[in-house]
Amino acid sequence: MKYFFLSEGWAVSRVWASDGLWQITAWRRQPDIQQLNICLIENNELLWLYRVEDAILTVEVKPTTPVPVQNTIGQVVLKRLMTAEQVIERLGTAQAKCQLQNMQSVT
């Protein structure tokens, strides 16, 4: 598995694998990308941790709401996804917050 942090208010757009842009018809499925219940807080901004399958090499992300072109970035391409060890190292050096959702009681 690979990982990346994504600012709240941004979403995954296009995805690339080793053979190019992810083609749902060729793979016969969507890419496996999951937002985890862990986020970092940096400069009052929430950065959510995402997990992706190993086949994914590059992820394009875009803001979820339209933004003026002159004031902000329109899209970003993430080319260096993180390993689990890099995520743990990053969490150890940052202010981390854990969001627990859909918890089931443990008996």
PDB file of N, CA and C in Angstrom:
ATOM      1  N   MET A   1       0.826  -1.174   0.000  1.00  0.00           N
ATOM      2  CA  MET A   1       0.000   0.000   0.000  1.00  0.00           C
ATOM      3  C   MET A   1       0.875   1.244   0.000  1.00  0.00           C
ATOM      4  N   LYS A   2       0.300   2.333  -0.533  1.00  0.00           N
ATOM      5  CA  LYS A   2       0.955   3.630  -0.547  1.00  0.00           C
ATOM      6  C   LYS A   2       0.002   4.626   0.085  1.00  0.00           C
ATOM      7  N   TYR A   3       0.531   5.783   0.465  1.00  0.00           N
ATOM      8  CA  TYR A   3      -0.253   6.753   1.208  1.00  0.00           C
ATOM      9  C   TYR A   3       0.057   8.165   0.738  1.00  0.00           C
ATOM     10  N   PHE A   4      -0.878   9.080   1.025  1.00  0.00           N
ATOM     11  CA  PHE A   4      -0.631  10.505   0.835  1.00  0.00           C
ATOM     12  C   PHE A   4      -1.576  11.280   1.747  1.00  0.00           C
ATOM     13  N   PHE A   5      -1.198  12.519   2.056  1.00  0.00           N
ATOM     14  CA  PHE A   5      -2.042  13.416   2.825  1.00  0.00           C
ATOM     15  C   PHE A   5      -2.688  14.403   1.862  1.00  0.00           C
ATOM     16  N   LEU A   6      -3.970  14.698   2.097  1.00  0.00           N
ATOM     17  CA  LEU A   6      -4.703  15.599   1.221  1.00  0.00           C
ATOM     18  C   LEU A   6      -5.496  16.581   2.072  1.00  0.00           C
ATOM     19  N   SER A   7      -5.348  17.840   1.757  1.00  0.00           N
ATOM     20  CA  SER A   7      -6.023  18.905   2.485  1.00  0.00           C
ATOM     21  C   SER A   7      -7.540  18.766   2.362  1.00  0.00           C
ATOM     22  N   GLU A   8      -8.241  19.044   3.473  1.00  0.00           N
ATOM     23  CA  GLU A   8      -9.700  19.015   3.443  1.00  0.00           C
ATOM     24  C   GLU A   8     -10.177  20.040   2.419  1.00  0.00           C
ATOM     25  N   GLY A   9     -11.184  19.657   1.643  1.00  0.00           N
ATOM     26  CA  GLY A   9     -11.668  20.533   0.578  1.00  0.00           C
ATOM     27  C   GLY A   9     -11.066  20.188  -0.777  1.00  0.00           C
ATOM     28  N   TRP A  10     -10.222  19.165  -0.815  1.00  0.00           N
ATOM     29  CA  TRP A  10      -9.648  18.675  -2.068  1.00  0.00           C
ATOM     30  C   TRP A  10     -10.092  17.238  -2.272  1.00  0.00           C
ATOM     31  N   ALA A  11     -10.135  16.794  -3.544  1.00  0.00           N
ATOM     32  CA  ALA A  11     -10.564  15.439  -3.861  1.00  0.00           C
ATOM     33  C   ALA A  11      -9.688  14.853  -4.960  1.00  0.00           C
ATOM     34  N   VAL A  12      -9.655  13.537  -5.033  1.00  0.00           N
ATOM     35  CA  VAL A  12      -8.898  12.829  -6.065  1.00  0.00           C
ATOM     36  C   VAL A  12      -9.601  13.014  -7.403  1.00  0.00           C
ATOM     37  N   SER A  13      -8.819  13.274  -8.437  1.00  0.00           N
ATOM     38  CA  SER A  13      -9.359  13.451  -9.779  1.00  0.00           C
ATOM     39  C   SER A  13      -8.921  12.273 -10.657  1.00  0.00           C
ATOM     40  N   ARG A  14      -7.811  12.427 -11.358  1.00  0.00           N
ATOM     41  CA  ARG A  14      -7.323  11.346 -12.226  1.00  0.00           C
ATOM     42  C   ARG A  14      -6.241  10.551 -11.510  1.00  0.00           C
ATOM     43  N   VAL A  15      -6.057   9.301 -11.958  1.00  0.00           N
ATOM     44  CA  VAL A  15      -5.105   8.378 -11.337  1.00  0.00           C
ATOM     45  C   VAL A  15      -4.310   7.701 -12.450  1.00  0.00           C
ATOM     46  N   TRP A  16      -3.004   7.514 -12.213  1.00  0.00           N
ATOM     47  CA  TRP A  16      -2.148   6.831 -13.171  1.00  0.00           C
ATOM     48  C   TRP A  16      -1.562   5.566 -12.559  1.00  0.00           C
ATOM     49  N   ALA A  17      -1.461   4.531 -13.383  1.00  0.00           N
ATOM     50  CA  ALA A  17      -0.781   3.281 -13.037  1.00  0.00           C
ATOM     51  C   ALA A  17       0.445   3.169 -13.934  1.00  0.00           C
ATOM     52  N   SER A  18       1.143   2.046 -13.878  1.00  0.00           N
ATOM     53  CA  SER A  18       2.376   1.896 -14.658  1.00  0.00           C
ATOM     54  C   SER A  18       2.143   1.972 -16.168  1.00  0.00           C
ATOM     55  N   ASP A  19       0.958   1.613 -16.621  1.00  0.00           N
ATOM     56  CA  ASP A  19       0.679   1.649 -18.064  1.00  0.00           C
ATOM     57  C   ASP A  19      -0.034   2.925 -18.494  1.00  0.00           C
ATOM     58  N   GLY A  20      -0.060   3.936 -17.634  1.00  0.00           N
ATOM     59  CA  GLY A  20      -0.654   5.222 -17.993  1.00  0.00           C
ATOM     60  C   GLY A  20      -1.888   5.550 -17.179  1.00  0.00           C
ATOM     61  N   LEU A  21      -2.695   6.450 -17.719  1.00  0.00           N
ATOM     62  CA  LEU A  21      -3.903   6.895 -17.048  1.00  0.00           C
ATOM     63  C   LEU A  21      -4.803   5.699 -16.737  1.00  0.00           C
ATOM     64  N   TRP A  22      -5.350   5.667 -15.506  1.00  0.00           N
ATOM     65  CA  TRP A  22      -6.189   4.548 -15.069  1.00  0.00           C
ATOM     66  C   TRP A  22      -7.421   4.453 -15.969  1.00  0.00           C
ATOM     67  N   GLN A  23      -7.600   3.306 -16.571  1.00  0.00           N
ATOM     68  CA  GLN A  23      -8.748   3.050 -17.434  1.00  0.00           C
ATOM     69  C   GLN A  23      -9.662   2.034 -16.748  1.00  0.00           C
ATOM     70  N   ILE A  24     -10.850   2.482 -16.372  1.00  0.00           N
ATOM     71  CA  ILE A  24     -11.781   1.597 -15.674  1.00  0.00           C
ATOM     72  C   ILE A  24     -12.156   0.409 -16.551  1.00  0.00           C
ATOM     73  N   THR A  25     -12.261   0.623 -17.857  1.00  0.00           N
ATOM     74  CA  THR A  25     -12.628  -0.484 -18.749  1.00  0.00           C
ATOM     75  C   THR A  25     -11.516  -1.528 -18.824  1.00  0.00           C
ATOM     76  N   ALA A  26     -10.272  -1.102 -18.777  1.00  0.00           N
ATOM     77  CA  ALA A  26      -9.155  -2.048 -18.827  1.00  0.00           C
ATOM     78  C   ALA A  26      -8.996  -2.797 -17.499  1.00  0.00           C
ATOM     79  N   TRP A  27      -9.074  -2.059 -16.375  1.00  0.00           N
ATOM     80  CA  TRP A  27      -8.903  -2.669 -15.055  1.00  0.00           C
ATOM     81  C   TRP A  27     -10.195  -3.331 -14.575  1.00  0.00           C
ATOM     82  N   ARG A  28     -11.320  -2.953 -15.179  1.00  0.00           N
ATOM     83  CA  ARG A  28     -12.646  -3.452 -14.816  1.00  0.00           C
ATOM     84  C   ARG A  28     -13.046  -3.118 -13.383  1.00  0.00           C
ATOM     85  N   ARG A  29     -12.523  -1.992 -12.897  1.00  0.00           N
ATOM     86  CA  ARG A  29     -12.859  -1.522 -11.562  1.00  0.00           C
ATOM     87  C   ARG A  29     -12.259  -0.139 -11.350  1.00  0.00           C
ATOM     88  N   GLN A  30     -12.764   0.529 -10.327  1.00  0.00           N
ATOM     89  CA  GLN A  30     -12.197   1.811  -9.910  1.00  0.00           C
ATOM     90  C   GLN A  30     -10.880   1.547  -9.179  1.00  0.00           C
ATOM     91  N   PRO A  31      -9.973   2.511  -9.142  1.00  0.00           N
ATOM     92  CA  PRO A  31      -8.762   2.338  -8.335  1.00  0.00           C
ATOM     93  C   PRO A  31      -9.134   2.299  -6.852  1.00  0.00           C
ATOM     94  N   ASP A  32      -8.381   1.544  -6.069  1.00  0.00           N
ATOM     95  CA  ASP A  32      -8.645   1.425  -4.638  1.00  0.00           C
ATOM     96  C   ASP A  32      -7.977   2.588  -3.914  1.00  0.00           C
ATOM     97  N   ILE A  33      -8.778   3.596  -3.559  1.00  0.00           N
ATOM     98  CA  ILE A  33      -8.310   4.787  -2.848  1.00  0.00           C
ATOM     99  C   ILE A  33      -9.259   4.995  -1.678  1.00  0.00           C
ATOM    100  N   GLN A  34      -8.711   5.002  -0.467  1.00  0.00           N
ATOM    101  CA  GLN A  34      -9.554   5.124   0.721  1.00  0.00           C
ATOM    102  C   GLN A  34      -9.053   6.227   1.639  1.00  0.00           C
ATOM    103  N   GLN A  35      -9.964   7.092   2.050  1.00  0.00           N
ATOM    104  CA  GLN A  35      -9.624   8.088   3.066  1.00  0.00           C
ATOM    105  C   GLN A  35      -9.680   7.397   4.415  1.00  0.00           C
ATOM    106  N   LEU A  36      -8.608   7.528   5.195  1.00  0.00           N
ATOM    107  CA  LEU A  36      -8.556   6.930   6.522  1.00  0.00           C
ATOM    108  C   LEU A  36      -9.065   7.926   7.553  1.00  0.00           C
ATOM    109  N   ASN A  37      -9.274   7.466   8.766  1.00  0.00           N
ATOM    110  CA  ASN A  37      -9.817   8.308   9.832  1.00  0.00           C
ATOM    111  C   ASN A  37      -8.726   9.019  10.625  1.00  0.00           C
ATOM    112  N   ILE A  38      -7.652   9.387   9.960  1.00  0.00           N
ATOM    113  CA  ILE A  38      -6.530  10.074  10.609  1.00  0.00           C
ATOM    114  C   ILE A  38      -6.223  11.337   9.822  1.00  0.00           C
ATOM    115  N   CYS A  39      -6.040  12.433  10.554  1.00  0.00           N
ATOM    116  CA  CYS A  39      -5.660  13.664   9.882  1.00  0.00           C
ATOM    117  C   CYS A  39      -4.616  14.399  10.707  1.00  0.00           C
ATOM    118  N   LEU A  40      -3.819  15.205  10.028  1.00  0.00           N
ATOM    119  CA  LEU A  40      -2.852  16.099  10.666  1.00  0.00           C
ATOM    120  C   LEU A  40      -3.434  17.496  10.652  1.00  0.00           C
ATOM    121  N   ILE A  41      -3.036  18.285  11.618  1.00  0.00           N
ATOM    122  CA  ILE A  41      -3.420  19.693  11.632  1.00  0.00           C
ATOM    123  C   ILE A  41      -2.146  20.504  11.452  1.00  0.00           C
ATOM    124  N   GLU A  42      -2.077  21.263  10.367  1.00  0.00           N
ATOM    125  CA  GLU A  42      -0.932  22.128  10.080  1.00  0.00           C
ATOM    126  C   GLU A  42      -1.447  23.505   9.723  1.00  0.00           C
ATOM    127  N   ASN A  43      -1.018  24.517  10.467  1.00  0.00           N
ATOM    128  CA  ASN A  43      -1.453  25.887  10.206  1.00  0.00           C
ATOM    129  C   ASN A  43      -2.980  25.981  10.102  1.00  0.00           C
ATOM    130  N   ASN A  44      -3.669  25.336  11.032  1.00  0.00           N
ATOM    131  CA  ASN A  44      -5.138  25.309  11.083  1.00  0.00           C
ATOM    132  C   ASN A  44      -5.774  24.670   9.852  1.00  0.00           C
ATOM    133  N   GLU A  45      -5.045  23.816   9.164  1.00  0.00           N
ATOM    134  CA  GLU A  45      -5.557  23.122   7.988  1.00  0.00           C
ATOM    135  C   GLU A  45      -5.545  21.623   8.269  1.00  0.00           C
ATOM    136  N   LEU A  46      -6.652  20.938   7.938  1.00  0.00           N
ATOM    137  CA  LEU A  46      -6.732  19.493   8.123  1.00  0.00           C
ATOM    138  C   LEU A  46      -6.165  18.782   6.906  1.00  0.00           C
ATOM    139  N   LEU A  47      -5.229  17.872   7.135  1.00  0.00           N
ATOM    140  CA  LEU A  47      -4.645  17.065   6.072  1.00  0.00           C
ATOM    141  C   LEU A  47      -5.018  15.611   6.338  1.00  0.00           C
ATOM    142  N   TRP A  48      -5.920  15.064   5.530  1.00  0.00           N
ATOM    143  CA  TRP A  48      -6.410  13.703   5.720  1.00  0.00           C
ATOM    144  C   TRP A  48      -5.479  12.692   5.077  1.00  0.00           C
ATOM    145  N   LEU A  49      -5.307  11.557   5.748  1.00  0.00           N
ATOM    146  CA  LEU A  49      -4.470  10.474   5.236  1.00  0.00           C
ATOM    147  C   LEU A  49      -5.303   9.581   4.321  1.00  0.00           C
ATOM    148  N   TYR A  50      -4.770   9.293   3.133  1.00  0.00           N
ATOM    149  CA  TYR A  50      -5.400   8.403   2.168  1.00  0.00           C
ATOM    150  C   TYR A  50      -4.492   7.205   1.919  1.00  0.00           C
ATOM    151  N   ARG A  51      -5.120   6.037   1.695  1.00  0.00           N
ATOM    152  CA  ARG A  51      -4.389   4.809   1.352  1.00  0.00           C
ATOM    153  C   ARG A  51      -4.773   4.430  -0.075  1.00  0.00           C
ATOM    154  N   VAL A  52      -3.750   4.072  -0.883  1.00  0.00           N
ATOM    155  CA  VAL A  52      -3.996   3.654  -2.272  1.00  0.00           C
ATOM    156  C   VAL A  52      -3.296   2.327  -2.521  1.00  0.00           C
ATOM    157  N   GLU A  53      -3.783   1.602  -3.499  1.00  0.00           N
ATOM    158  CA  GLU A  53      -3.175   0.320  -3.838  1.00  0.00           C
ATOM    159  C   GLU A  53      -1.810   0.523  -4.500  1.00  0.00           C
ATOM    160  N   ASP A  54      -0.989  -0.514  -4.466  1.00  0.00           N
ATOM    161  CA  ASP A  54       0.375  -0.434  -4.996  1.00  0.00           C
ATOM    162  C   ASP A  54       0.437  -0.121  -6.486  1.00  0.00           C
ATOM    163  N   ALA A  55      -0.569  -0.509  -7.252  1.00  0.00           N
ATOM    164  CA  ALA A  55      -0.551  -0.276  -8.700  1.00  0.00           C
ATOM    165  C   ALA A  55      -0.588   1.204  -9.058  1.00  0.00           C
ATOM    166  N   ILE A  56      -1.039   2.031  -8.147  1.00  0.00           N
ATOM    167  CA  ILE A  56      -1.152   3.469  -8.413  1.00  0.00           C
ATOM    168  C   ILE A  56       0.204   4.137  -8.261  1.00  0.00           C
ATOM    169  N   LEU A  57       0.589   4.902  -9.287  1.00  0.00           N
ATOM    170  CA  LEU A  57       1.864   5.610  -9.271  1.00  0.00           C
ATOM    171  C   LEU A  57       1.704   7.106  -9.025  1.00  0.00           C
ATOM    172  N   THR A  58       0.660   7.695  -9.581  1.00  0.00           N
ATOM    173  CA  THR A  58       0.466   9.143  -9.522  1.00  0.00           C
ATOM    174  C   THR A  58      -1.015   9.449  -9.322  1.00  0.00           C
ATOM    175  N   VAL A  59      -1.278  10.494  -8.535  1.00  0.00           N
ATOM    176  CA  VAL A  59      -2.655  10.901  -8.258  1.00  0.00           C
ATOM    177  C   VAL A  59      -2.777  12.398  -8.510  1.00  0.00           C
ATOM    178  N   GLU A  60      -3.791  12.787  -9.262  1.00  0.00           N
ATOM    179  CA  GLU A  60      -4.098  14.200  -9.462  1.00  0.00           C
ATOM    180  C   GLU A  60      -5.219  14.575  -8.497  1.00  0.00           C
ATOM    181  N   VAL A  61      -5.061  15.711  -7.823  1.00  0.00           N
ATOM    182  CA  VAL A  61      -6.092  16.182  -6.894  1.00  0.00           C
ATOM    183  C   VAL A  61      -6.511  17.587  -7.276  1.00  0.00           C
ATOM    184  N   LYS A  62      -7.787  17.912  -6.966  1.00  0.00           N
ATOM    185  CA  LYS A  62      -8.352  19.218  -7.290  1.00  0.00           C
ATOM    186  C   LYS A  62      -9.217  19.685  -6.131  1.00  0.00           C
ATOM    187  N   PRO A  63      -9.394  21.005  -5.995  1.00  0.00           N
ATOM    188  CA  PRO A  63     -10.316  21.503  -4.965  1.00  0.00           C
ATOM    189  C   PRO A  63     -11.747  21.065  -5.281  1.00  0.00           C
ATOM    190  N   THR A  64     -12.533  20.841  -4.230  1.00  0.00           N
ATOM    191  CA  THR A  64     -13.912  20.383  -4.432  1.00  0.00           C
ATOM    192  C   THR A  64     -14.859  21.512  -4.801  1.00  0.00           C
ATOM    193  N   THR A  65     -14.474  22.735  -4.513  1.00  0.00           N
ATOM    194  CA  THR A  65     -15.304  23.880  -4.884  1.00  0.00           C
ATOM    195  C   THR A  65     -14.535  24.753  -5.867  1.00  0.00           C
ATOM    196  N   PRO A  66     -15.222  25.379  -6.808  1.00  0.00           N
ATOM    197  CA  PRO A  66     -14.540  26.257  -7.771  1.00  0.00           C
ATOM    198  C   PRO A  66     -13.835  27.407  -7.045  1.00  0.00           C
ATOM    199  N   VAL A  67     -12.626  27.693  -7.484  1.00  0.00           N
ATOM    200  CA  VAL A  67     -11.850  28.773  -6.874  1.00  0.00           C
ATOM    201  C   VAL A  67     -11.375  29.735  -7.961  1.00  0.00           C
ATOM    202  N   PRO A  68     -11.225  31.004  -7.632  1.00  0.00           N
ATOM    203  CA  PRO A  68     -10.700  31.958  -8.616  1.00  0.00           C
ATOM    204  C   PRO A  68      -9.285  31.555  -9.046  1.00  0.00           C
ATOM    205  N   VAL A  69      -9.038  31.544 -10.336  1.00  0.00           N
ATOM    206  CA  VAL A  69      -7.761  31.087 -10.874  1.00  0.00           C
ATOM    207  C   VAL A  69      -6.585  31.904 -10.344  1.00  0.00           C
ATOM    208  N   GLN A  70      -6.740  33.196 -10.185  1.00  0.00           N
ATOM    209  CA  GLN A  70      -5.627  34.040  -9.783  1.00  0.00           C
ATOM    210  C   GLN A  70      -5.269  33.889  -8.298  1.00  0.00           C
ATOM    211  N   ASN A  71      -6.167  33.320  -7.474  1.00  0.00           N
ATOM    212  CA  ASN A  71      -5.929  33.268  -6.037  1.00  0.00           C
ATOM    213  C   ASN A  71      -5.376  31.947  -5.518  1.00  0.00           C
ATOM    214  N   THR A  72      -5.522  30.883  -6.247  1.00  0.00           N
ATOM    215  CA  THR A  72      -5.117  29.590  -5.701  1.00  0.00           C
ATOM    216  C   THR A  72      -4.768  28.607  -6.814  1.00  0.00           C
ATOM    217  N   ILE A  73      -4.332  27.442  -6.412  1.00  0.00           N
ATOM    218  CA  ILE A  73      -3.927  26.387  -7.342  1.00  0.00           C
ATOM    219  C   ILE A  73      -5.161  25.636  -7.825  1.00  0.00           C
ATOM    220  N   GLY A  74      -5.216  25.314  -9.104  1.00  0.00           N
ATOM    221  CA  GLY A  74      -6.370  24.621  -9.663  1.00  0.00           C
ATOM    222  C   GLY A  74      -6.281  23.114  -9.572  1.00  0.00           C
ATOM    223  N   GLN A  75      -5.066  22.566  -9.590  1.00  0.00           N
ATOM    224  CA  GLN A  75      -4.884  21.126  -9.487  1.00  0.00           C
ATOM    225  C   GLN A  75      -3.443  20.843  -9.099  1.00  0.00           C
ATOM    226  N   VAL A  76      -3.228  19.666  -8.527  1.00  0.00           N
ATOM    227  CA  VAL A  76      -1.899  19.240  -8.107  1.00  0.00           C
ATOM    228  C   VAL A  76      -1.735  17.771  -8.495  1.00  0.00           C
ATOM    229  N   VAL A  77      -0.550  17.396  -8.963  1.00  0.00           N
ATOM    230  CA  VAL A  77      -0.258  16.004  -9.277  1.00  0.00           C
ATOM    231  C   VAL A  77       0.735  15.496  -8.246  1.00  0.00           C
ATOM    232  N   LEU A  78       0.341  14.436  -7.522  1.00  0.00           N
ATOM    233  CA  LEU A  78       1.201  13.824  -6.510  1.00  0.00           C
ATOM    234  C   LEU A  78       1.958  12.681  -7.151  1.00  0.00           C
ATOM    235  N   LYS A  79       3.281  12.840  -7.270  1.00  0.00           N
ATOM    236  CA  LYS A  79       4.093  11.829  -7.939  1.00  0.00           C
ATOM    237  C   LYS A  79       4.878  10.955  -6.979  1.00  0.00           C
ATOM    238  N   ARG A  80       5.077  11.426  -5.754  1.00  0.00           N
ATOM    239  CA  ARG A  80       5.823  10.629  -4.784  1.00  0.00           C
ATOM    240  C   ARG A  80       4.890  10.260  -3.634  1.00  0.00           C
ATOM    241  N   LEU A  81       4.307   9.092  -3.724  1.00  0.00           N
ATOM    242  CA  LEU A  81       3.432   8.623  -2.667  1.00  0.00           C
ATOM    243  C   LEU A  81       4.284   8.059  -1.538  1.00  0.00           C
ATOM    244  N   MET A  82       3.744   8.019  -0.331  1.00  0.00           N
ATOM    245  CA  MET A  82       4.506   7.658   0.856  1.00  0.00           C
ATOM    246  C   MET A  82       4.359   6.177   1.198  1.00  0.00           C
ATOM    247  N   THR A  83       5.380   5.660   1.861  1.00  0.00           N
ATOM    248  CA  THR A  83       5.310   4.311   2.418  1.00  0.00           C
ATOM    249  C   THR A  83       4.699   4.401   3.815  1.00  0.00           C
ATOM    250  N   ALA A  84       4.337   3.263   4.384  1.00  0.00           N
ATOM    251  CA  ALA A  84       3.781   3.243   5.741  1.00  0.00           C
ATOM    252  C   ALA A  84       4.801   3.793   6.742  1.00  0.00           C
ATOM    253  N   GLU A  85       6.062   3.490   6.567  1.00  0.00           N
ATOM    254  CA  GLU A  85       7.109   3.984   7.465  1.00  0.00           C
ATOM    255  C   GLU A  85       7.207   5.501   7.412  1.00  0.00           C
ATOM    256  N   GLN A  86       7.094   6.075   6.222  1.00  0.00           N
ATOM    257  CA  GLN A  86       7.142   7.530   6.079  1.00  0.00           C
ATOM    258  C   GLN A  86       5.935   8.191   6.732  1.00  0.00           C
ATOM    259  N   VAL A  87       4.769   7.551   6.655  1.00  0.00           N
ATOM    260  CA  VAL A  87       3.570   8.093   7.301  1.00  0.00           C
ATOM    261  C   VAL A  87       3.747   8.096   8.816  1.00  0.00           C
ATOM    262  N   ILE A  88       4.249   6.992   9.371  1.00  0.00           N
ATOM    263  CA  ILE A  88       4.459   6.915  10.820  1.00  0.00           C
ATOM    264  C   ILE A  88       5.461   7.966  11.273  1.00  0.00           C
ATOM    265  N   GLU A  89       6.523   8.151  10.507  1.00  0.00           N
ATOM    266  CA  GLU A  89       7.515   9.178  10.832  1.00  0.00           C
ATOM    267  C   GLU A  89       6.878  10.569  10.811  1.00  0.00           C
ATOM    268  N   ARG A  90       6.062  10.833   9.815  1.00  0.00           N
ATOM    269  CA  ARG A  90       5.388  12.142   9.697  1.00  0.00           C
ATOM    270  C   ARG A  90       4.416  12.360  10.853  1.00  0.00           C
ATOM    271  N   LEU A  91       3.657  11.328  11.204  1.00  0.00           N
ATOM    272  CA  LEU A  91       2.717  11.439  12.317  1.00  0.00           C
ATOM    273  C   LEU A  91       3.454  11.677  13.634  1.00  0.00           C
ATOM    274  N   GLY A  92       4.641  11.107  13.761  1.00  0.00           N
ATOM    275  CA  GLY A  92       5.421  11.274  14.979  1.00  0.00           C
ATOM    276  C   GLY A  92       5.993  12.660  15.159  1.00  0.00           C
ATOM    277  N   THR A  93       6.082  13.426  14.085  1.00  0.00           N
ATOM    278  CA  THR A  93       6.667  14.769  14.167  1.00  0.00           C
ATOM    279  C   THR A  93       5.634  15.868  13.996  1.00  0.00           C
ATOM    280  N   ALA A  94       4.355  15.518  13.991  1.00  0.00           N
ATOM    281  CA  ALA A  94       3.308  16.512  13.733  1.00  0.00           C
ATOM    282  C   ALA A  94       2.237  16.440  14.811  1.00  0.00           C
ATOM    283  N   GLN A  95       1.423  17.460  14.833  1.00  0.00           N
ATOM    284  CA  GLN A  95       0.250  17.448  15.694  1.00  0.00           C
ATOM    285  C   GLN A  95      -0.799  16.605  14.981  1.00  0.00           C
ATOM    286  N   ALA A  96      -1.104  15.435  15.518  1.00  0.00           N
ATOM    287  CA  ALA A  96      -2.034  14.515  14.866  1.00  0.00           C
ATOM    288  C   ALA A  96      -3.355  14.451  15.610  1.00  0.00           C
ATOM    289  N   LYS A  97      -4.417  14.265  14.846  1.00  0.00           N
ATOM    290  CA  LYS A  97      -5.751  14.126  15.410  1.00  0.00           C
ATOM    291  C   LYS A  97      -6.365  12.889  14.777  1.00  0.00           C
ATOM    292  N   CYS A  98      -6.988  12.083  15.573  1.00  0.00           N
ATOM    293  CA  CYS A  98      -7.614  10.863  15.057  1.00  0.00           C
ATOM    294  C   CYS A  98      -9.117  11.042  15.048  1.00  0.00           C
ATOM    295  N   GLN A  99      -9.726  10.888  13.902  1.00  0.00           N
ATOM    296  CA  GLN A  99     -11.170  10.949  13.771  1.00  0.00           C
ATOM    297  C   GLN A  99     -11.686   9.515  13.753  1.00  0.00           C
ATOM    298  N   LEU A 100     -12.488   9.155  14.711  1.00  0.00           N
ATOM    299  CA  LEU A 100     -13.056   7.812  14.768  1.00  0.00           C
ATOM    300  C   LEU A 100     -14.510   7.885  14.354  1.00  0.00           C
ATOM    301  N   GLN A 101     -14.824   7.209  13.260  1.00  0.00           N
ATOM    302  CA  GLN A 101     -16.185   7.218  12.757  1.00  0.00           C
ATOM    303  C   GLN A 101     -16.670   5.781  12.639  1.00  0.00           C
ATOM    304  N   ASN A 102     -17.973   5.589  12.788  1.00  0.00           N
ATOM    305  CA  ASN A 102     -18.579   4.276  12.664  1.00  0.00           C
ATOM    306  C   ASN A 102     -17.945   3.245  13.589  1.00  0.00           C
ATOM    307  N   MET A 103     -17.713   3.675  14.806  1.00  0.00           N
ATOM    308  CA  MET A 103     -17.121   2.778  15.796  1.00  0.00           C
ATOM    309  C   MET A 103     -18.158   1.736  16.228  1.00  0.00           C
ATOM    310  N   GLN A 104     -17.710   0.499  16.342  1.00  0.00           N
ATOM    311  CA  GLN A 104     -18.566  -0.561  16.870  1.00  0.00           C
ATOM    312  C   GLN A 104     -18.109  -0.864  18.281  1.00  0.00           C
ATOM    313  N   SER A 105     -19.036  -1.131  19.165  1.00  0.00           N
ATOM    314  CA  SER A 105     -18.649  -1.401  20.545  1.00  0.00           C
ATOM    315  C   SER A 105     -17.912  -2.731  20.624  1.00  0.00           C
ATOM    316  N   VAL A 106     -16.903  -2.747  21.446  1.00  0.00           N
ATOM    317  CA  VAL A 106     -16.079  -3.935  21.633  1.00  0.00           C
ATOM    318  C   VAL A 106     -16.529  -4.596  22.923  1.00  0.00           C
ATOM    319  N   THR A 107     -16.817  -5.884  22.869  1.00  0.00           N
ATOM    320  CA  THR A 107     -17.241  -6.603  24.070  1.00  0.00           C
ATOM    321  C   THR A 107     -16.268  -7.671  24.439  1.00  0.00           C
TER     322      THR A 107
END
